[in-house]
């Protein structure tokens, strides 16, 4: 699949680079980020946002030409604050909406299957030191090796 103009537009919208007359990044840069991140718009947007922050910090200065004053020194700082809010806030960052918790191997059936697997080492209860060397019945010990 190839990078489309709609993907580039979505990335631009995500990072706030929407001024048509004066874009911060070129389309080729967005294409690079989309290709690098397997056309994942969220990851490409984060890369683009970091690049925008670096570009703004490199080009931030105050200039005075006759009666015209151009102040861009605060622009990088304000974008940095917005970028931090975008990354840290679960409400603003859509990446957190796809995260879900999962834990495996903790159900009793999973633990029993682990004990029954001959390829795994199972922790068996210790044999009495007084001479009871008989084989331990596997049904008499806990299936959780940490509770023995």
C-alpha atoms as a PDB file:
ATOM      1  CA  UNK A   1       0.000   0.000   0.000  1.00  0.00           C
ATOM      2  CA  UNK A   2       1.309   3.440  -0.837  1.00  0.00           C
ATOM      3  CA  UNK A   3       1.178   6.644   1.182  1.00  0.00           C
ATOM      4  CA  UNK A   4      -1.825   8.691   0.103  1.00  0.00           C
ATOM      5  CA  UNK A   5      -2.495  12.440   0.353  1.00  0.00           C
ATOM      6  CA  UNK A   6      -5.256  11.618   2.840  1.00  0.00           C
ATOM      7  CA  UNK A   7      -2.681   9.975   5.145  1.00  0.00           C
ATOM      8  CA  UNK A   8      -0.434  13.023   4.901  1.00  0.00           C
ATOM      9  CA  UNK A   9      -3.404  15.279   5.649  1.00  0.00           C
ATOM     10  CA  UNK A  10      -4.328  13.142   8.660  1.00  0.00           C
ATOM     11  CA  UNK A  11      -0.773  13.449  10.004  1.00  0.00           C
ATOM     12  CA  UNK A  12      -0.794  17.196   9.430  1.00  0.00           C
ATOM     13  CA  UNK A  13      -4.064  17.479  11.332  1.00  0.00           C
ATOM     14  CA  UNK A  14      -2.759  15.342  14.223  1.00  0.00           C
ATOM     15  CA  UNK A  15       0.285  17.586  14.773  1.00  0.00           C
ATOM     16  CA  UNK A  16      -1.398  20.901  13.976  1.00  0.00           C
ATOM     17  CA  UNK A  17       0.612  21.646  10.829  1.00  0.00           C
ATOM     18  CA  UNK A  18      -2.488  22.852   9.002  1.00  0.00           C
ATOM     19  CA  UNK A  19      -1.517  26.311   7.723  1.00  0.00           C
ATOM     20  CA  UNK A  20      -1.534  25.787   3.954  1.00  0.00           C
ATOM     21  CA  UNK A  21       0.422  28.936   3.141  1.00  0.00           C
ATOM     22  CA  UNK A  22       3.310  28.166   5.500  1.00  0.00           C
ATOM     23  CA  UNK A  23       3.622  24.467   6.382  1.00  0.00           C
ATOM     24  CA  UNK A  24       6.290  23.499   8.908  1.00  0.00           C
ATOM     25  CA  UNK A  25       7.074  20.147   7.281  1.00  0.00           C
ATOM     26  CA  UNK A  26       6.965  19.249   3.606  1.00  0.00           C
ATOM     27  CA  UNK A  27       4.836  16.424   2.232  1.00  0.00           C
ATOM     28  CA  UNK A  28       8.005  14.432   1.541  1.00  0.00           C
ATOM     29  CA  UNK A  29       8.832  14.502   5.263  1.00  0.00           C
ATOM     30  CA  UNK A  30       5.379  13.195   6.159  1.00  0.00           C
ATOM     31  CA  UNK A  31       5.768  10.520   3.487  1.00  0.00           C
ATOM     32  CA  UNK A  32       9.070   9.498   5.088  1.00  0.00           C
ATOM     33  CA  UNK A  33       7.490   9.224   8.553  1.00  0.00           C
ATOM     34  CA  UNK A  34       4.527   7.244   7.230  1.00  0.00           C
ATOM     35  CA  UNK A  35       6.799   4.853   5.331  1.00  0.00           C
ATOM     36  CA  UNK A  36       9.113   4.484   8.336  1.00  0.00           C
ATOM     37  CA  UNK A  37       6.174   3.627  10.617  1.00  0.00           C
ATOM     38  CA  UNK A  38       4.446   1.203   8.213  1.00  0.00           C
ATOM     39  CA  UNK A  39       1.779   3.795   7.358  1.00  0.00           C
ATOM     40  CA  UNK A  40       0.638   4.051  10.991  1.00  0.00           C
ATOM     41  CA  UNK A  41      -0.697   7.597  11.279  1.00  0.00           C
ATOM     42  CA  UNK A  42      -0.369   7.841  15.064  1.00  0.00           C
ATOM     43  CA  UNK A  43       3.290   6.812  15.153  1.00  0.00           C
ATOM     44  CA  UNK A  44       4.115   8.935  12.124  1.00  0.00           C
ATOM     45  CA  UNK A  45       2.416  11.890  13.804  1.00  0.00           C
ATOM     46  CA  UNK A  46       4.566  11.505  16.906  1.00  0.00           C
ATOM     47  CA  UNK A  47       7.721  11.423  14.760  1.00  0.00           C
ATOM     48  CA  UNK A  48       6.528  14.472  12.845  1.00  0.00           C
ATOM     49  CA  UNK A  49       5.708  16.311  16.075  1.00  0.00           C
ATOM     50  CA  UNK A  50       9.215  15.665  17.402  1.00  0.00           C
ATOM     51  CA  UNK A  51      10.718  16.937  14.154  1.00  0.00           C
ATOM     52  CA  UNK A  52       8.525  20.052  14.230  1.00  0.00           C
ATOM     53  CA  UNK A  53       9.641  20.716  17.793  1.00  0.00           C
ATOM     54  CA  UNK A  54      13.300  20.433  16.772  1.00  0.00           C
ATOM     55  CA  UNK A  55      12.802  22.671  13.730  1.00  0.00           C
ATOM     56  CA  UNK A  56      11.000  25.318  15.770  1.00  0.00           C
ATOM     57  CA  UNK A  57      13.680  25.264  18.452  1.00  0.00           C
ATOM     58  CA  UNK A  58      16.414  25.713  15.829  1.00  0.00           C
ATOM     59  CA  UNK A  59      14.627  28.562  14.063  1.00  0.00           C
ATOM     60  CA  UNK A  60      13.220  30.401  17.064  1.00  0.00           C
ATOM     61  CA  UNK A  61      14.390  33.997  17.248  1.00  0.00           C
ATOM     62  CA  UNK A  62      13.060  37.510  17.457  1.00  0.00           C
ATOM     63  CA  UNK A  63      13.565  39.742  14.428  1.00  0.00           C
ATOM     64  CA  UNK A  64      12.864  43.433  13.899  1.00  0.00           C
ATOM     65  CA  UNK A  65      12.659  44.839  10.397  1.00  0.00           C
ATOM     66  CA  UNK A  66      11.772  48.521  10.346  1.00  0.00           C
ATOM     67  CA  UNK A  67       8.427  48.655  12.139  1.00  0.00           C
ATOM     68  CA  UNK A  68       7.689  44.953  11.756  1.00  0.00           C
ATOM     69  CA  UNK A  69       8.583  42.671  14.679  1.00  0.00           C
ATOM     70  CA  UNK A  70       8.545  38.886  14.253  1.00  0.00           C
ATOM     71  CA  UNK A  71       8.751  36.943  17.509  1.00  0.00           C
ATOM     72  CA  UNK A  72       9.102  33.201  17.195  1.00  0.00           C
ATOM     73  CA  UNK A  73      11.110  32.539  20.347  1.00  0.00           C
ATOM     74  CA  UNK A  74       8.049  31.442  22.308  1.00  0.00           C
ATOM     75  CA  UNK A  75       6.662  29.334  19.466  1.00  0.00           C
ATOM     76  CA  UNK A  76       8.924  26.331  20.166  1.00  0.00           C
ATOM     77  CA  UNK A  77       8.222  26.486  23.890  1.00  0.00           C
ATOM     78  CA  UNK A  78       4.465  26.594  23.336  1.00  0.00           C
ATOM     79  CA  UNK A  79       4.639  23.722  20.852  1.00  0.00           C
ATOM     80  CA  UNK A  80       6.757  21.736  23.347  1.00  0.00           C
ATOM     81  CA  UNK A  81       4.071  22.195  25.995  1.00  0.00           C
ATOM     82  CA  UNK A  82       1.362  21.129  23.555  1.00  0.00           C
ATOM     83  CA  UNK A  83       3.440  18.119  22.467  1.00  0.00           C
ATOM     84  CA  UNK A  84       3.955  17.028  26.080  1.00  0.00           C
ATOM     85  CA  UNK A  85       0.242  17.331  26.709  1.00  0.00           C
ATOM     86  CA  UNK A  86      -0.467  15.336  23.533  1.00  0.00           C
ATOM     87  CA  UNK A  87       1.917  12.539  24.519  1.00  0.00           C
ATOM     88  CA  UNK A  88       1.036  12.302  28.214  1.00  0.00           C
ATOM     89  CA  UNK A  89      -2.708  12.886  28.202  1.00  0.00           C
ATOM     90  CA  UNK A  90      -4.709   9.711  27.541  1.00  0.00           C
ATOM     91  CA  UNK A  91      -7.680  11.797  26.378  1.00  0.00           C
ATOM     92  CA  UNK A  92      -5.675  13.537  23.646  1.00  0.00           C
ATOM     93  CA  UNK A  93      -3.436  10.674  22.551  1.00  0.00           C
ATOM     94  CA  UNK A  94      -5.390   8.003  20.685  1.00  0.00           C
ATOM     95  CA  UNK A  95      -2.581   5.507  21.156  1.00  0.00           C
ATOM     96  CA  UNK A  96      -3.847   4.833  24.683  1.00  0.00           C
ATOM     97  CA  UNK A  97      -7.322   3.913  23.477  1.00  0.00           C
ATOM     98  CA  UNK A  98      -5.997   0.750  21.826  1.00  0.00           C
ATOM     99  CA  UNK A  99      -3.995  -0.485  24.834  1.00  0.00           C
ATOM    100  CA  UNK A 100      -5.463  -3.331  26.844  1.00  0.00           C
ATOM    101  CA  UNK A 101      -4.113  -5.412  29.706  1.00  0.00           C
ATOM    102  CA  UNK A 102      -3.551  -9.134  29.387  1.00  0.00           C
ATOM    103  CA  UNK A 103      -2.057 -11.657  31.771  1.00  0.00           C
ATOM    104  CA  UNK A 104      -1.393 -15.270  30.882  1.00  0.00           C
ATOM    105  CA  UNK A 105      -0.549 -18.435  32.731  1.00  0.00           C
ATOM    106  CA  UNK A 106      -2.383 -17.571  35.919  1.00  0.00           C
ATOM    107  CA  UNK A 107      -5.564 -19.590  35.570  1.00  0.00           C
ATOM    108  CA  UNK A 108      -5.669 -22.984  37.270  1.00  0.00           C
ATOM    109  CA  UNK A 109      -6.105 -24.766  33.945  1.00  0.00           C
ATOM    110  CA  UNK A 110      -3.005 -22.986  32.547  1.00  0.00           C
ATOM    111  CA  UNK A 111      -0.984 -23.938  35.628  1.00  0.00           C
ATOM    112  CA  UNK A 112      -2.137 -27.565  35.444  1.00  0.00           C
ATOM    113  CA  UNK A 113      -1.306 -27.709  31.731  1.00  0.00           C
ATOM    114  CA  UNK A 114       2.148 -26.366  32.576  1.00  0.00           C
ATOM    115  CA  UNK A 115       2.652 -29.084  35.221  1.00  0.00           C
ATOM    116  CA  UNK A 116       1.354 -31.799  32.873  1.00  0.00           C
ATOM    117  CA  UNK A 117       3.752 -30.759  30.103  1.00  0.00           C
ATOM    118  CA  UNK A 118       6.700 -33.148  30.340  1.00  0.00           C
ATOM    119  CA  UNK A 119       9.000 -30.612  28.721  1.00  0.00           C
ATOM    120  CA  UNK A 120       8.552 -28.177  31.637  1.00  0.00           C
ATOM    121  CA  UNK A 121      10.126 -28.521  35.054  1.00  0.00           C
ATOM    122  CA  UNK A 122       7.478 -28.659  37.750  1.00  0.00           C
ATOM    123  CA  UNK A 123       8.207 -27.826  41.379  1.00  0.00           C
ATOM    124  CA  UNK A 124       7.045 -30.836  43.382  1.00  0.00           C
ATOM    125  CA  UNK A 125       6.564 -30.862  47.161  1.00  0.00           C
ATOM    126  CA  UNK A 126       9.624 -32.056  49.057  1.00  0.00           C
ATOM    127  CA  UNK A 127       9.858 -35.667  50.204  1.00  0.00           C
ATOM    128  CA  UNK A 128      10.112 -36.269  53.943  1.00  0.00           C
ATOM    129  CA  UNK A 129      13.699 -36.614  55.190  1.00  0.00           C
ATOM    130  CA  UNK A 130      12.773 -39.366  57.689  1.00  0.00           C
ATOM    131  CA  UNK A 131      12.735 -42.039  55.070  1.00  0.00           C
ATOM    132  CA  UNK A 132       9.425 -41.569  53.338  1.00  0.00           C
ATOM    133  CA  UNK A 133      10.826 -42.030  49.845  1.00  0.00           C
ATOM    134  CA  UNK A 134       7.502 -43.081  48.312  1.00  0.00           C
ATOM    135  CA  UNK A 135       6.313 -41.407  45.160  1.00  0.00           C
ATOM    136  CA  UNK A 136       4.161 -38.336  45.847  1.00  0.00           C
ATOM    137  CA  UNK A 137       0.659 -38.469  44.395  1.00  0.00           C
ATOM    138  CA  UNK A 138       0.408 -35.535  41.944  1.00  0.00           C
ATOM    139  CA  UNK A 139      -3.195 -34.892  43.018  1.00  0.00           C
ATOM    140  CA  UNK A 140      -2.160 -34.113  46.602  1.00  0.00           C
ATOM    141  CA  UNK A 141      -0.140 -30.982  45.912  1.00  0.00           C
ATOM    142  CA  UNK A 142      -1.172 -27.555  44.731  1.00  0.00           C
ATOM    143  CA  UNK A 143      -1.080 -26.882  41.021  1.00  0.00           C
ATOM    144  CA  UNK A 144       0.487 -23.522  41.777  1.00  0.00           C
ATOM    145  CA  UNK A 145       4.215 -24.170  42.391  1.00  0.00           C
ATOM    146  CA  UNK A 146       4.503 -20.886  44.322  1.00  0.00           C
ATOM    147  CA  UNK A 147       1.937 -21.947  46.962  1.00  0.00           C
ATOM    148  CA  UNK A 148       3.629 -25.222  47.954  1.00  0.00           C
END
